[in-house]
């Protein structure tokens, strides 16, 4: 199963790069960060190595689009992972993540957010988040994506609106008028990989294909000044979420992960307050 997941992630990474390049052209930069975090003298932090690759594009359709692959390895689980009951005290932990962030130039196109994570510590776990964060996207286009994702959910005896509830709960903060998430995708959070890989795989394919269809339809349509203001507010909220709430960013900073890598991977290209 692990080899199947790794093969899927490699293939999906190529698919995403090819699709984004088809709209933005060959305007790509790529960087890799590799690091070993030594174990601290106390019990809280165990030795961890990581490799973080980020490819970034800026062009006429996507103001910024990134495809990132992260591999994390703990020879022995940290106390934090043990306390969260994610691993036994002597178990090695391996994490593989593919994350895609898309910031379109047009305010009519929503920001695209996708990640899939394979977590192994004795047992395989899976986490997946896929949704769009709209500014001025027509509701009919959001509904079209929801219907496509509903078809995937129904294939596995599940309900798309139920699977998307966690997205609205996660991507929000106090004081915001509404969550960032449109609930057009779905979320799987630390579930059994063996039991849920098929729905995650099919959901990822449907979500990305549906999003690219939306891009092809709306990329050339102009937005109003109000639409641009809505886009700016959405991206400002995404920055607030990353820097003040996102657990993965906080964990990376606590363990010395270069902020430049996090900036390349997920921060919006431009906002103003």
Protein backbone atom coordinates (compact mmCIF):
# COMPACT_ATOMS: atom_id res chain seq x y z
CA UNK A 1 0.00 0.00 0.00
CA UNK A 2 2.83 2.42 0.79
CA UNK A 3 4.38 1.89 -2.64
CA UNK A 4 0.97 2.42 -4.25
CA UNK A 5 0.52 5.70 -2.38
CA UNK A 6 4.00 6.90 -3.26
CA UNK A 7 3.40 6.04 -6.92
CA UNK A 8 0.11 7.96 -6.86
CA UNK A 9 1.73 11.02 -5.26
CA UNK A 10 4.51 11.03 -7.86
CA UNK A 11 2.00 10.74 -10.70
CA UNK A 12 -0.33 13.38 -9.27
CA UNK A 13 2.59 15.75 -8.74
CA UNK A 14 3.50 15.44 -12.44
CA UNK A 15 -0.15 15.87 -13.45
CA UNK A 16 -0.41 19.08 -11.41
CA UNK A 17 2.83 20.50 -12.80
CA UNK A 18 1.82 19.70 -16.39
CA UNK A 19 -1.65 21.24 -15.96
CA UNK A 20 -0.40 24.43 -14.33
CA UNK A 21 2.36 24.84 -16.92
CA UNK A 22 -0.22 24.44 -19.71
CA UNK A 23 -1.86 27.65 -18.47
CA UNK A 24 1.15 29.58 -17.14
CA UNK A 25 3.92 28.52 -19.51
CA UNK A 26 7.45 27.45 -18.62
CA UNK A 27 7.87 30.06 -15.88
CA UNK A 28 9.02 27.73 -13.08
CA UNK A 29 11.56 27.95 -10.31
CA UNK A 30 12.33 25.01 -8.06
CA UNK A 31 14.21 24.70 -4.79
CA UNK A 32 14.99 21.92 -2.34
CA UNK A 33 15.66 22.24 1.37
CA UNK A 34 17.20 19.33 3.28
CA UNK A 35 17.88 19.35 6.99
CA UNK A 36 18.41 17.17 10.03
CA UNK A 37 17.01 18.44 13.31
CA UNK A 38 19.09 16.93 16.11
CA UNK A 39 17.43 15.51 19.20
CA UNK A 40 17.32 17.93 22.12
CA UNK A 41 18.68 17.07 25.54
CA UNK A 42 15.12 16.75 26.84
CA UNK A 43 12.45 14.22 25.87
CA UNK A 44 10.32 16.57 23.77
CA UNK A 45 12.18 16.48 20.47
CA UNK A 46 13.63 13.47 18.66
CA UNK A 47 16.00 13.56 15.73
CA UNK A 48 14.15 14.28 12.48
CA UNK A 49 15.29 14.62 8.88
CA UNK A 50 13.29 16.26 6.14
CA UNK A 51 13.41 17.02 2.44
CA UNK A 52 11.18 19.81 1.13
CA UNK A 53 10.92 20.48 -2.61
CA UNK A 54 8.91 23.44 -3.91
CA UNK A 55 8.22 24.35 -7.54
CA UNK A 56 6.79 27.85 -8.06
CA UNK A 57 5.24 29.50 -11.10
CA UNK A 58 4.14 33.09 -11.73
CA UNK A 59 2.29 33.87 -14.95
CA UNK A 60 -0.71 35.38 -16.69
CA UNK A 61 -3.30 32.94 -15.29
CA UNK A 62 -1.86 32.03 -11.90
CA UNK A 63 -0.26 34.90 -10.01
CA UNK A 64 1.47 32.20 -7.99
CA UNK A 65 1.12 28.42 -8.13
CA UNK A 66 3.16 25.97 -6.09
CA UNK A 67 3.61 22.21 -6.02
CA UNK A 68 5.45 20.95 -2.94
CA UNK A 69 6.61 17.53 -1.79
CA UNK A 70 7.74 17.02 1.79
CA UNK A 71 9.31 13.90 3.31
CA UNK A 72 9.82 13.69 7.09
CA UNK A 73 11.53 10.86 8.96
CA UNK A 74 11.89 10.27 12.70
CA UNK A 75 14.05 7.22 13.59
CA UNK A 76 12.23 7.31 16.91
CA UNK A 77 8.95 9.08 17.62
CA UNK A 78 9.07 12.37 19.52
CA UNK A 79 7.25 12.72 22.83
CA UNK A 80 4.71 15.02 21.17
CA UNK A 81 3.73 12.28 18.70
CA UNK A 82 3.57 9.71 21.49
CA UNK A 83 1.43 12.01 23.65
CA UNK A 84 -0.97 12.46 20.73
CA UNK A 85 -1.15 8.66 20.48
CA UNK A 86 0.08 8.80 16.92
CA UNK A 87 3.08 6.56 17.53
CA UNK A 88 4.64 4.27 20.10
CA UNK A 89 7.70 5.40 22.01
CA UNK A 90 10.14 3.27 19.99
CA UNK A 91 8.44 3.45 16.59
CA UNK A 92 9.96 5.16 13.56
CA UNK A 93 7.69 7.71 11.88
CA UNK A 94 7.60 8.49 8.17
CA UNK A 95 5.48 11.23 6.60
CA UNK A 96 5.06 12.01 2.91
CA UNK A 97 3.11 15.11 1.85
CA UNK A 98 2.06 16.55 -1.50
CA UNK A 99 0.68 20.10 -1.28
CA UNK A 100 -0.61 22.35 -4.05
CA UNK A 101 -1.49 26.04 -3.61
CA UNK A 102 -2.92 28.04 -6.51
CA UNK A 103 -3.46 31.82 -6.45
CA UNK A 104 -5.18 32.85 -9.71
CA UNK A 105 -4.79 36.33 -11.14
CA UNK A 106 -8.53 36.69 -11.79
CA UNK A 107 -10.70 37.31 -8.71
CA UNK A 108 -13.42 35.22 -10.37
CA UNK A 109 -11.25 32.14 -9.93
CA UNK A 110 -10.99 30.76 -6.39
CA UNK A 111 -7.74 29.92 -4.70
CA UNK A 112 -7.09 26.18 -4.97
CA UNK A 113 -5.86 24.30 -1.89
CA UNK A 114 -4.93 20.61 -1.94
CA UNK A 115 -2.84 18.36 0.23
CA UNK A 116 -2.56 14.65 0.79
CA UNK A 117 -0.44 13.14 3.55
CA UNK A 118 0.65 9.58 4.22
CA UNK A 119 1.58 9.14 7.91
CA UNK A 120 3.24 5.89 8.96
CA UNK A 121 4.04 4.84 12.52
CA UNK A 122 3.30 1.14 12.89
CA UNK A 123 0.02 1.75 11.05
CA UNK A 124 -0.69 3.77 7.93
CA UNK A 125 -2.78 6.91 8.33
CA UNK A 126 -4.08 9.25 5.68
CA UNK A 127 -4.96 12.94 5.74
CA UNK A 128 -6.38 14.82 2.75
CA UNK A 129 -7.73 18.36 2.36
CA UNK A 130 -9.08 19.60 -0.96
CA UNK A 131 -11.16 22.73 -1.40
CA UNK A 132 -11.37 26.10 -3.08
CA UNK A 133 -11.34 29.49 -1.34
CA UNK A 134 -13.50 31.84 -3.43
CA UNK A 135 -13.45 35.61 -3.64
CA UNK A 136 -15.94 36.43 -6.41
CA UNK A 137 -16.46 33.03 -8.01
CA UNK A 138 -19.96 32.50 -9.47
CA UNK A 139 -21.96 30.16 -7.24
CA UNK A 140 -22.92 28.02 -10.21
CA UNK A 141 -19.27 27.10 -10.76
CA UNK A 142 -18.80 26.20 -7.11
CA UNK A 143 -21.94 24.07 -7.26
CA UNK A 144 -20.63 22.30 -10.34
CA UNK A 145 -17.47 21.28 -8.47
CA UNK A 146 -19.53 20.19 -5.44
CA UNK A 147 -21.65 17.95 -7.66
CA UNK A 148 -18.59 16.30 -9.15
CA UNK A 149 -17.20 15.63 -5.69
CA UNK A 150 -20.62 14.42 -4.50
CA UNK A 151 -20.46 11.78 -7.22
CA UNK A 152 -17.17 10.48 -5.82
CA UNK A 153 -18.51 10.47 -2.27
CA UNK A 154 -21.67 8.59 -3.30
CA UNK A 155 -19.56 5.95 -5.06
CA UNK A 156 -18.16 5.05 -1.63
CA UNK A 157 -21.43 5.38 0.25
CA UNK A 158 -20.56 8.76 1.76
CA UNK A 159 -22.00 12.27 1.68
CA UNK A 160 -19.95 15.15 0.24
CA UNK A 161 -21.48 17.80 2.49
CA UNK A 162 -20.63 15.74 5.56
CA UNK A 163 -17.08 15.10 4.34
CA UNK A 164 -16.58 18.85 3.77
CA UNK A 165 -17.74 19.94 7.25
CA UNK A 166 -14.21 19.74 8.66
CA UNK A 167 -12.93 22.14 6.00
CA UNK A 168 -15.25 24.90 7.20
CA UNK A 169 -14.26 24.21 10.81
CA UNK A 170 -10.53 24.24 10.04
CA UNK A 171 -10.18 27.15 7.64
CA UNK A 172 -11.73 29.88 9.76
CA UNK A 173 -10.68 32.24 12.55
CA UNK A 174 -12.37 34.44 15.11
CA UNK A 175 -13.56 37.70 13.58
CA UNK A 176 -13.89 36.44 10.02
CA UNK A 177 -17.37 36.84 8.49
CA UNK A 178 -17.20 33.30 7.06
CA UNK A 179 -14.73 30.43 6.55
CA UNK A 180 -12.34 30.47 3.62
CA UNK A 181 -13.52 27.04 2.51
CA UNK A 182 -16.37 26.78 0.01
CA UNK A 183 -16.95 23.13 1.01
CA UNK A 184 -16.60 22.10 -2.61
CA UNK A 185 -14.19 19.27 -1.80
CA UNK A 186 -13.75 17.07 1.21
CA UNK A 187 -11.49 16.30 4.13
CA UNK A 188 -10.14 13.04 5.52
CA UNK A 189 -8.24 13.48 8.78
CA UNK A 190 -5.86 10.79 10.13
CA UNK A 191 -8.03 7.93 8.90
CA UNK A 192 -6.93 4.41 7.99
CA UNK A 193 -5.03 4.60 4.72
CA UNK A 194 -5.97 1.08 3.64
CA UNK A 195 -9.69 1.80 4.08
CA UNK A 196 -9.71 5.32 2.59
CA UNK A 197 -7.02 5.51 -0.08
CA UNK A 198 -9.43 4.77 -2.95
CA UNK A 199 -11.82 7.61 -2.10
CA UNK A 200 -8.89 9.99 -1.54
CA UNK A 201 -7.36 9.03 -4.90
CA UNK A 202 -10.63 9.35 -6.83
CA UNK A 203 -11.51 12.55 -4.98
CA UNK A 204 -8.14 14.10 -5.79
CA UNK A 205 -8.55 13.33 -9.49
CA UNK A 206 -12.12 14.68 -9.62
CA UNK A 207 -11.24 17.78 -7.61
CA UNK A 208 -8.22 18.75 -9.69
CA UNK A 209 -9.97 18.04 -13.00
CA UNK A 210 -13.00 20.08 -11.91
CA UNK A 211 -10.83 22.95 -10.77
CA UNK A 212 -8.94 23.02 -14.07
CA UNK A 213 -12.28 23.09 -15.93
CA UNK A 214 -13.21 26.13 -13.84
CA UNK A 215 -9.89 27.77 -14.72
CA UNK A 216 -10.43 27.20 -18.45
CA UNK A 217 -13.91 28.72 -18.25
CA UNK A 218 -13.23 31.79 -16.08
CA UNK A 219 -9.58 32.74 -16.64
CA UNK A 220 -10.29 35.40 -19.25
CA UNK A 221 -13.27 37.04 -17.59
CA UNK A 222 -12.63 40.44 -15.96
CA UNK A 223 -13.56 41.21 -12.37
CA UNK A 224 -14.77 44.45 -10.82
CA UNK A 225 -13.01 46.61 -8.26
CA UNK A 226 -15.20 45.00 -5.60
CA UNK A 227 -14.13 41.56 -6.83
CA UNK A 228 -10.46 42.55 -6.49
CA UNK A 229 -11.10 43.77 -2.95
CA UNK A 230 -12.76 40.46 -2.10
CA UNK A 231 -9.75 38.59 -3.49
CA UNK A 232 -7.39 40.69 -1.40
CA UNK A 233 -9.42 40.00 1.75
CA UNK A 234 -9.42 36.27 1.04
CA UNK A 235 -5.64 36.19 0.57
CA UNK A 236 -5.09 38.31 3.68
CA UNK A 237 -7.15 35.81 5.68
CA UNK A 238 -5.11 32.94 4.25
CA UNK A 239 -1.91 34.65 5.42
CA UNK A 240 -3.43 35.16 8.89
CA UNK A 241 -4.44 31.51 9.03
CA UNK A 242 -0.96 30.27 8.07
CA UNK A 243 0.95 32.48 10.49
CA UNK A 244 -1.42 32.33 13.46
CA UNK A 245 -3.30 29.02 13.33
CA UNK A 246 -1.86 26.42 10.97
CA UNK A 247 -0.36 23.57 13.00
CA UNK A 248 2.03 22.38 10.29
CA UNK A 249 3.60 25.84 9.92
CA UNK A 250 3.94 26.14 13.69
CA UNK A 251 5.57 22.70 13.95
CA UNK A 252 7.96 23.52 11.13
CA UNK A 253 9.07 26.76 12.73
CA UNK A 254 9.52 25.11 16.14
CA UNK A 255 11.85 22.55 14.55
CA UNK A 256 13.92 25.05 12.60
CA UNK A 257 12.34 24.51 9.19
CA UNK A 258 13.46 27.47 7.03
CA UNK A 259 10.77 30.12 6.81
CA UNK A 260 11.81 30.71 3.21
CA UNK A 261 10.60 27.20 2.31
CA UNK A 262 7.24 27.86 3.98
CA UNK A 263 7.01 31.24 2.20
CA UNK A 264 7.68 29.66 -1.18
CA UNK A 265 5.18 26.88 -0.53
CA UNK A 266 2.12 28.65 0.72
CA UNK A 267 2.19 32.39 1.33
CA UNK A 268 0.06 34.51 -1.01
CA UNK A 269 1.88 36.53 -3.70
CA UNK A 270 0.52 39.95 -2.69
CA UNK A 271 -1.89 41.45 -0.17
CA UNK A 272 -2.52 44.84 1.37
CA UNK A 273 -4.20 45.90 4.59
